[in-house]
PDB file of N, CA and C in Angstrom:
ATOM      1  N   MET A   1       6.554-143.462 -18.200  1.00  0.00           N
ATOM      2  CA  MET A   1       8.034-143.520 -18.415  1.00  0.00           C
ATOM      3  C   MET A   1       8.367-143.693 -19.614  1.00  0.00           C
ATOM      4  N   SER A   2       9.168-143.016 -19.947  1.00  0.00           N
ATOM      5  CA  SER A   2       9.344-142.221 -21.558  1.00  0.00           C
ATOM      6  C   SER A   2      10.142-142.897 -22.059  1.00  0.00           C
ATOM      7  N   TYR A   3      11.063-142.901 -23.125  1.00  0.00           N
ATOM      8  CA  TYR A   3      11.954-143.758 -23.510  1.00  0.00           C
ATOM      9  C   TYR A   3      12.666-143.160 -24.686  1.00  0.00           C
ATOM     10  N   PHE A   4      14.474-143.521 -25.404  1.00  0.00           N
ATOM     11  CA  PHE A   4      14.324-142.753 -26.778  1.00  0.00           C
ATOM     12  C   PHE A   4      14.996-143.795 -26.973  1.00  0.00           C
ATOM     13  N   LEU A   5      14.771-144.199 -28.181  1.00  0.00           N
ATOM     14  CA  LEU A   5      15.929-144.779 -29.280  1.00  0.00           C
ATOM     15  C   LEU A   5      17.010-144.276 -30.251  1.00  0.00           C
ATOM     16  N   PHE A   6      17.836-144.830 -30.181  1.00  0.00           N
ATOM     17  CA  PHE A   6      19.049-143.926 -31.077  1.00  0.00           C
ATOM     18  C   PHE A   6      19.549-145.240 -31.873  1.00  0.00           C
ATOM     19  N   LEU A   7      18.956-144.646 -33.317  1.00  0.00           N
ATOM     20  CA  LEU A   7      20.279-146.060 -34.252  1.00  0.00           C
ATOM     21  C   LEU A   7      20.670-145.766 -34.736  1.00  0.00           C
ATOM     22  N   ASP A   8      22.233-146.783 -35.212  1.00  0.00           N
ATOM     23  CA  ASP A   8      23.130-146.230 -35.924  1.00  0.00           C
ATOM     24  C   ASP A   8      23.154-147.905 -37.037  1.00  0.00           C
ATOM     25  N   GLU A   9      23.909-147.096 -38.363  1.00  0.00           N
ATOM     26  CA  GLU A   9      24.307-147.907 -39.174  1.00  0.00           C
ATOM     27  C   GLU A   9      25.786-147.969 -39.314  1.00  0.00           C
ATOM     28  N   SER A  10      26.169-149.038 -39.995  1.00  0.00           N
ATOM     29  CA  SER A  10      27.302-149.181 -40.455  1.00  0.00           C
ATOM     30  C   SER A  10      27.852-150.408 -42.030  1.00  0.00           C
ATOM     31  N   GLY A  11      28.165-149.687 -42.988  1.00  0.00           N
ATOM     32  CA  GLY A  11      27.995-150.909 -43.822  1.00  0.00           C
ATOM     33  C   GLY A  11      27.118-150.329 -44.495  1.00  0.00           C
ATOM     34  N   ASP A  12      26.879-150.555 -45.693  1.00  0.00           N
ATOM     35  CA  ASP A  12      26.641-150.818 -46.747  1.00  0.00           C
ATOM     36  C   ASP A  12      25.392-152.154 -47.176  1.00  0.00           C
ATOM     37  N   HIS A  13      24.375-151.929 -47.042  1.00  0.00           N
ATOM     38  CA  HIS A  13      23.409-152.546 -47.024  1.00  0.00           C
ATOM     39  C   HIS A  13      22.441-153.162 -48.415  1.00  0.00           C
ATOM     40  N   ASP A  14      23.380-152.440 -50.069  1.00  0.00           N
ATOM     41  CA  ASP A  14      23.083-152.742 -51.288  1.00  0.00           C
ATOM     42  C   ASP A  14      24.243-154.224 -51.335  1.00  0.00           C
ATOM     43  N   LEU A  15      23.035-155.287 -51.201  1.00  0.00           N
ATOM     44  CA  LEU A  15      24.045-156.637 -51.639  1.00  0.00           C
ATOM     45  C   LEU A  15      24.142-157.078 -53.048  1.00  0.00           C
ATOM     46  N   GLY A  16      23.564-156.000 -53.708  1.00  0.00           N
ATOM     47  CA  GLY A  16      24.327-156.239 -55.190  1.00  0.00           C
ATOM     48  C   GLY A  16      25.270-155.823 -55.793  1.00  0.00           C
ATOM     49  N   PHE A  17      26.203-155.816 -54.649  1.00  0.00           N
ATOM     50  CA  PHE A  17      27.777-154.849 -54.634  1.00  0.00           C
ATOM     51  C   PHE A  17      27.851-155.079 -53.570  1.00  0.00           C
ATOM     52  N   VAL A  18      28.950-156.514 -52.876  1.00  0.00           N
ATOM     53  CA  VAL A  18      29.679-156.765 -51.992  1.00  0.00           C
ATOM     54  C   VAL A  18      31.034-156.328 -52.127  1.00  0.00           C
ATOM     55  N   ASP A  19      31.612-155.396 -51.285  1.00  0.00           N
ATOM     56  CA  ASP A  19      32.418-154.438 -50.855  1.00  0.00           C
ATOM     57  C   ASP A  19      33.385-155.577 -49.569  1.00  0.00           C
ATOM     58  N   LYS A  20      35.000-156.240 -50.681  1.00  0.00           N
ATOM     59  CA  LYS A  20      35.186-157.116 -50.013  1.00  0.00           C
ATOM     60  C   LYS A  20      36.129-157.122 -48.856  1.00  0.00           C
ATOM     61  N   ASN A  21      36.071-155.424 -49.051  1.00  0.00           N
ATOM     62  CA  ASN A  21      37.231-155.105 -47.517  1.00  0.00           C
ATOM     63  C   ASN A  21      36.319-155.051 -47.081  1.00  0.00           C
ATOM     64  N   PHE A  22      35.261-154.537 -47.224  1.00  0.00           N
ATOM     65  CA  PHE A  22      33.788-154.337 -45.795  1.00  0.00           C
ATOM     66  C   PHE A  22      32.201-155.274 -46.106  1.00  0.00           C
ATOM     67  N   PRO A  23      32.586-156.592 -46.602  1.00  0.00           N
ATOM     68  CA  PRO A  23      31.104-157.021 -46.452  1.00  0.00           C
ATOM     69  C   PRO A  23      30.335-157.046 -45.128  1.00  0.00           C
ATOM     70  N   LEU A  24      29.672-155.931 -44.806  1.00  0.00           N
ATOM     71  CA  LEU A  24      28.923-156.314 -43.431  1.00  0.00           C
ATOM     72  C   LEU A  24      28.080-155.183 -43.770  1.00  0.00           C
ATOM     73  N   PHE A  25      27.037-155.004 -43.389  1.00  0.00           N
ATOM     74  CA  PHE A  25      25.790-153.897 -43.165  1.00  0.00           C
ATOM     75  C   PHE A  25      25.643-154.828 -41.380  1.00  0.00           C
ATOM     76  N   LEU A  26      25.409-153.479 -40.457  1.00  0.00           N
ATOM     77  CA  LEU A  26      24.978-154.414 -39.117  1.00  0.00           C
ATOM     78  C   LEU A  26      24.095-152.490 -38.934  1.00  0.00           C
ATOM     79  N   LEU A  27      22.921-152.917 -38.742  1.00  0.00           N
ATOM     80  CA  LEU A  27      22.283-151.894 -37.417  1.00  0.00           C
ATOM     81  C   LEU A  27      22.273-152.267 -35.900  1.00  0.00           C
ATOM     82  N   CYS A  28      22.286-150.825 -35.308  1.00  0.00           N
ATOM     83  CA  CYS A  28      22.466-151.318 -34.163  1.00  0.00           C
ATOM     84  C   CYS A  28      21.180-150.214 -33.243  1.00  0.00           C
ATOM     85  N   GLY A  29      21.079-150.286 -32.136  1.00  0.00           N
ATOM     86  CA  GLY A  29      20.300-149.544 -31.474  1.00  0.00           C
ATOM     87  C   GLY A  29      20.712-149.258 -30.321  1.00  0.00           C
ATOM     88  N   CYS A  30      19.901-148.662 -29.081  1.00  0.00           N
ATOM     89  CA  CYS A  30      20.350-148.437 -28.049  1.00  0.00           C
ATOM     90  C   CYS A  30      19.403-147.611 -27.104  1.00  0.00           C
ATOM     91  N   VAL A  31      18.226-148.129 -26.395  1.00  0.00           N
ATOM     92  CA  VAL A  31      17.599-147.331 -25.704  1.00  0.00           C
ATOM     93  C   VAL A  31      17.658-147.402 -24.405  1.00  0.00           C
ATOM     94  N   ILE A  32      17.499-145.853 -24.172  1.00  0.00           N
ATOM     95  CA  ILE A  32      17.783-145.067 -23.080  1.00  0.00           C
ATOM     96  C   ILE A  32      16.652-144.771 -22.353  1.00  0.00           C
ATOM     97  N   LYS A  33      16.566-144.647 -20.839  1.00  0.00           N
ATOM     98  CA  LYS A  33      15.240-143.566 -20.328  1.00  0.00           C
ATOM     99  C   LYS A  33      14.773-142.591 -20.030  1.00  0.00           C
ATOM    100  N   GLU A  34      14.449-142.229 -20.154  1.00  0.00           N
ATOM    101  CA  GLU A  34      13.855-140.960 -20.105  1.00  0.00           C
ATOM    102  C   GLU A  34      15.237-140.438 -19.172  1.00  0.00           C
ATOM    103  N   HIS A  35      15.176-140.730 -18.200  1.00  0.00           N
ATOM    104  CA  HIS A  35      15.733-139.211 -17.265  1.00  0.00           C
ATOM    105  C   HIS A  35      17.152-139.725 -17.125  1.00  0.00           C
ATOM    106  N   TYR A  36      17.943-140.329 -17.875  1.00  0.00           N
ATOM    107  CA  TYR A  36      18.980-141.201 -18.108  1.00  0.00           C
ATOM    108  C   TYR A  36      20.202-139.771 -19.114  1.00  0.00           C
ATOM    109  N   LEU A  37      18.968-139.539 -19.965  1.00  0.00           N
ATOM    110  CA  LEU A  37      19.006-139.273 -21.325  1.00  0.00           C
ATOM    111  C   LEU A  37      20.244-138.214 -20.918  1.00  0.00           C
ATOM    112  N   LYS A  38      19.503-137.080 -20.459  1.00  0.00           N
ATOM    113  CA  LYS A  38      20.526-135.778 -19.516  1.00  0.00           C
ATOM    114  C   LYS A  38      22.020-135.927 -18.931  1.00  0.00           C
ATOM    115  N   GLU A  39      21.713-136.839 -18.322  1.00  0.00           N
ATOM    116  CA  GLU A  39      22.799-137.670 -17.688  1.00  0.00           C
ATOM    117  C   GLU A  39      24.198-138.089 -18.295  1.00  0.00           C
ATOM    118  N   ILE A  40      23.685-138.563 -19.463  1.00  0.00           N
ATOM    119  CA  ILE A  40      24.925-138.900 -20.364  1.00  0.00           C
ATOM    120  C   ILE A  40      24.772-137.775 -21.949  1.00  0.00           C
ATOM    121  N   GLU A  41      23.860-136.923 -22.145  1.00  0.00           N
ATOM    122  CA  GLU A  41      24.645-136.156 -22.793  1.00  0.00           C
ATOM    123  C   GLU A  41      25.387-135.230 -22.149  1.00  0.00           C
ATOM    124  N   ASN A  42      25.077-134.762 -20.725  1.00  0.00           N
ATOM    125  CA  ASN A  42      26.245-134.498 -20.215  1.00  0.00           C
ATOM    126  C   ASN A  42      27.612-134.742 -20.183  1.00  0.00           C
ATOM    127  N   LYS A  43      27.676-136.321 -19.775  1.00  0.00           N
ATOM    128  CA  LYS A  43      28.774-136.987 -19.887  1.00  0.00           C
ATOM    129  C   LYS A  43      29.994-137.014 -20.879  1.00  0.00           C
ATOM    130  N   VAL A  44      28.718-137.030 -22.154  1.00  0.00           N
ATOM    131  CA  VAL A  44      29.356-136.899 -23.139  1.00  0.00           C
ATOM    132  C   VAL A  44      29.892-135.777 -23.635  1.00  0.00           C
ATOM    133  N   ASN A  45      28.750-135.025 -24.004  1.00  0.00           N
ATOM    134  CA  ASN A  45      29.851-132.967 -23.502  1.00  0.00           C
ATOM    135  C   ASN A  45      30.899-132.875 -23.073  1.00  0.00           C
ATOM    136  N   THR A  46      31.317-133.670 -21.743  1.00  0.00           N
ATOM    137  CA  THR A  46      32.546-133.376 -21.042  1.00  0.00           C
ATOM    138  C   THR A  46      33.781-133.938 -21.396  1.00  0.00           C
ATOM    139  N   PHE A  47      33.394-135.313 -21.765  1.00  0.00           N
ATOM    140  CA  PHE A  47      34.464-135.367 -23.174  1.00  0.00           C
ATOM    141  C   PHE A  47      34.701-134.875 -24.315  1.00  0.00           C
ATOM    142  N   LYS A  48      33.706-134.498 -24.853  1.00  0.00           N
ATOM    143  CA  LYS A  48      34.465-133.736 -26.284  1.00  0.00           C
ATOM    144  C   LYS A  48      34.933-132.137 -25.131  1.00  0.00           C
ATOM    145  N   GLN A  49      34.372-131.892 -24.938  1.00  0.00           N
ATOM    146  CA  GLN A  49      35.216-130.007 -24.011  1.00  0.00           C
ATOM    147  C   GLN A  49      36.263-130.406 -23.406  1.00  0.00           C
ATOM    148  N   LYS A  50      36.448-131.309 -23.079  1.00  0.00           N
ATOM    149  CA  LYS A  50      37.546-132.068 -21.821  1.00  0.00           C
ATOM    150  C   LYS A  50      38.645-132.449 -23.329  1.00  0.00           C
ATOM    151  N   TYR A  51      38.792-133.126 -24.408  1.00  0.00           N
ATOM    152  CA  TYR A  51      39.504-133.986 -24.987  1.00  0.00           C
ATOM    153  C   TYR A  51      39.436-132.815 -26.961  1.00  0.00           C
ATOM    154  N   PHE A  52      38.592-131.668 -26.832  1.00  0.00           N
ATOM    155  CA  PHE A  52      38.228-130.894 -28.520  1.00  0.00           C
ATOM    156  C   PHE A  52      37.796-129.395 -28.322  1.00  0.00           C
ATOM    157  N   GLY A  53      37.668-129.272 -26.930  1.00  0.00           N
ATOM    158  CA  GLY A  53      38.224-127.602 -26.551  1.00  0.00           C
ATOM    159  C   GLY A  53      36.520-127.732 -27.063  1.00  0.00           C
ATOM    160  N   THR A  54      35.740-128.062 -27.505  1.00  0.00           N
ATOM    161  CA  THR A  54      33.886-127.607 -27.793  1.00  0.00           C
ATOM    162  C   THR A  54      33.411-128.991 -27.594  1.00  0.00           C
ATOM    163  N   THR A  55      31.566-128.953 -27.691  1.00  0.00           N
ATOM    164  CA  THR A  55      30.454-129.769 -28.059  1.00  0.00           C
ATOM    165  C   THR A  55      30.401-130.258 -29.688  1.00  0.00           C
ATOM    166  N   GLU A  56      30.657-129.846 -30.270  1.00  0.00           N
ATOM    167  CA  GLU A  56      30.856-129.479 -31.965  1.00  0.00           C
ATOM    168  C   GLU A  56      30.675-130.640 -32.073  1.00  0.00           C
ATOM    169  N   VAL A  57      31.632-131.611 -32.027  1.00  0.00           N
ATOM    170  CA  VAL A  57      32.700-132.797 -32.568  1.00  0.00           C
ATOM    171  C   VAL A  57      31.546-134.016 -33.305  1.00  0.00           C
ATOM    172  N   ILE A  58      31.715-134.177 -34.167  1.00  0.00           N
ATOM    173  CA  ILE A  58      30.374-135.693 -34.113  1.00  0.00           C
ATOM    174  C   ILE A  58      31.583-136.667 -33.777  1.00  0.00           C
ATOM    175  N   LEU A  59      31.413-137.616 -32.631  1.00  0.00           N
ATOM    176  CA  LEU A  59      31.584-138.515 -32.865  1.00  0.00           C
ATOM    177  C   LEU A  59      31.410-140.111 -34.108  1.00  0.00           C
ATOM    178  N   HIS A  60      32.364-139.341 -35.136  1.00  0.00           N
ATOM    179  CA  HIS A  60      31.893-140.624 -35.993  1.00  0.00           C
ATOM    180  C   HIS A  60      32.824-142.093 -36.257  1.00  0.00           C
ATOM    181  N   SER A  61      33.380-142.862 -35.981  1.00  0.00           N
ATOM    182  CA  SER A  61      33.674-144.428 -35.810  1.00  0.00           C
ATOM    183  C   SER A  61      34.941-144.538 -36.897  1.00  0.00           C
ATOM    184  N   ARG A  62      34.239-144.264 -38.258  1.00  0.00           N
ATOM    185  CA  ARG A  62      35.581-143.807 -39.306  1.00  0.00           C
ATOM    186  C   ARG A  62      36.659-142.623 -38.577  1.00  0.00           C
ATOM    187  N   ASP A  63      36.333-141.547 -39.164  1.00  0.00           N
ATOM    188  CA  ASP A  63      36.818-140.461 -38.325  1.00  0.00           C
ATOM    189  C   ASP A  63      37.623-140.989 -37.178  1.00  0.00           C
ATOM    190  N   ILE A  64      37.542-141.539 -36.158  1.00  0.00           N
ATOM    191  CA  ILE A  64      38.320-142.115 -34.733  1.00  0.00           C
ATOM    192  C   ILE A  64      39.542-143.061 -35.247  1.00  0.00           C
ATOM    193  N   ARG A  65      38.808-144.129 -35.881  1.00  0.00           N
ATOM    194  CA  ARG A  65      39.791-145.231 -36.345  1.00  0.00           C
ATOM    195  C   ARG A  65      40.830-145.113 -37.249  1.00  0.00           C
ATOM    196  N   LYS A  66      40.375-143.541 -38.146  1.00  0.00           N
ATOM    197  CA  LYS A  66      41.423-143.306 -39.091  1.00  0.00           C
ATOM    198  C   LYS A  66      41.985-141.736 -38.983  1.00  0.00           C
ATOM    199  N   CYS A  67      41.938-140.899 -37.723  1.00  0.00           N
ATOM    200  CA  CYS A  67      42.716-140.144 -37.219  1.00  0.00           C
ATOM    201  C   CYS A  67      41.998-139.463 -37.554  1.00  0.00           C
ATOM    202  N   GLN A  68      41.506-139.300 -37.920  1.00  0.00           N
ATOM    203  CA  GLN A  68      40.886-138.280 -39.372  1.00  0.00           C
ATOM    204  C   GLN A  68      40.230-136.368 -38.416  1.00  0.00           C
ATOM    205  N   GLY A  69      40.187-135.659 -38.776  1.00  0.00           N
ATOM    206  CA  GLY A  69      39.363-134.379 -38.692  1.00  0.00           C
ATOM    207  C   GLY A  69      39.716-134.421 -37.499  1.00  0.00           C
ATOM    208  N   ALA A  70      39.221-133.942 -36.105  1.00  0.00           N
ATOM    209  CA  ALA A  70      39.176-133.284 -35.500  1.00  0.00           C
ATOM    210  C   ALA A  70      40.005-134.860 -34.570  1.00  0.00           C
ATOM    211  N   PHE A  71      40.223-136.132 -35.209  1.00  0.00           N
ATOM    212  CA  PHE A  71      40.177-137.066 -33.777  1.00  0.00           C
ATOM    213  C   PHE A  71      42.394-137.478 -34.457  1.00  0.00           C
ATOM    214  N   GLN A  72      42.598-135.937 -34.978  1.00  0.00           N
ATOM    215  CA  GLN A  72      44.018-136.010 -35.656  1.00  0.00           C
ATOM    216  C   GLN A  72      45.472-136.080 -34.024  1.00  0.00           C
ATOM    217  N   ILE A  73      44.223-136.145 -33.287  1.00  0.00           N
ATOM    218  CA  ILE A  73      44.726-135.374 -31.599  1.00  0.00           C
ATOM    219  C   ILE A  73      45.683-137.435 -31.347  1.00  0.00           C
ATOM    220  N   LEU A  74      44.619-138.363 -31.378  1.00  0.00           N
ATOM    221  CA  LEU A  74      44.898-139.409 -31.540  1.00  0.00           C
ATOM    222  C   LEU A  74      45.999-139.964 -32.164  1.00  0.00           C
ATOM    223  N   PHE A  75      47.307-139.049 -32.576  1.00  0.00           N
ATOM    224  CA  PHE A  75      48.564-139.445 -33.208  1.00  0.00           C
ATOM    225  C   PHE A  75      49.254-139.037 -31.649  1.00  0.00           C
ATOM    226  N   ASP A  76      49.154-138.130 -31.139  1.00  0.00           N
ATOM    227  CA  ASP A  76      49.141-137.769 -29.766  1.00  0.00           C
ATOM    228  C   ASP A  76      49.633-138.908 -28.665  1.00  0.00           C
ATOM    229  N   LEU A  77      50.715-140.179 -28.977  1.00  0.00           N
ATOM    230  CA  LEU A  77      50.402-140.761 -28.028  1.00  0.00           C
ATOM    231  C   LEU A  77      50.475-140.671 -26.859  1.00  0.00           C
ATOM    232  N   GLN A  78      50.893-139.506 -25.666  1.00  0.00           N
ATOM    233  CA  GLN A  78      50.645-139.041 -24.714  1.00  0.00           C
ATOM    234  C   GLN A  78      49.287-139.264 -24.105  1.00  0.00           C
ATOM    235  N   LEU A  79      48.506-138.334 -25.050  1.00  0.00           N
ATOM    236  CA  LEU A  79      47.173-137.648 -24.766  1.00  0.00           C
ATOM    237  C   LEU A  79      46.644-139.014 -25.097  1.00  0.00           C
ATOM    238  N   LYS A  80      46.459-139.920 -25.656  1.00  0.00           N
ATOM    239  CA  LYS A  80      45.970-141.581 -25.958  1.00  0.00           C
ATOM    240  C   LYS A  80      45.870-142.042 -24.414  1.00  0.00           C
ATOM    241  N   GLY A  81      47.720-141.912 -24.702  1.00  0.00           N
ATOM    242  CA  GLY A  81      47.361-142.790 -23.168  1.00  0.00           C
ATOM    243  C   GLY A  81      47.168-142.253 -22.025  1.00  0.00           C
ATOM    244  N   LYS A  82      46.509-141.253 -21.695  1.00  0.00           N
ATOM    245  CA  LYS A  82      45.919-140.247 -20.274  1.00  0.00           C
ATOM    246  C   LYS A  82      44.313-140.525 -20.726  1.00  0.00           C
ATOM    247  N   ALA A  83      43.990-141.062 -22.031  1.00  0.00           N
ATOM    248  CA  ALA A  83      42.292-141.056 -21.962  1.00  0.00           C
ATOM    249  C   ALA A  83      42.117-142.872 -21.061  1.00  0.00           C
ATOM    250  N   TYR A  84      42.820-143.745 -21.156  1.00  0.00           N
ATOM    251  CA  TYR A  84      42.695-144.729 -20.561  1.00  0.00           C
ATOM    252  C   TYR A  84      42.997-144.124 -19.309  1.00  0.00           C
TER     253      TYR A  84
END
């Protein structure tokens, strides 16, 4: 059986200067069995197509939090309410 490991990071790993507004570094991973990979990909693409009309949107947490780029749609409170 094969597995895939997806890693992502947030923050700054440089301890020479610590940003007081964001003083952290996070490294996180997710291990997924190969036979679930296509199912997850399909669900993420369905979500992207439903809300953005394309699968090309990158789900970047900073852009989501700040409602930037494609995530400006989050200013629409009615749409935001439907997501729950």
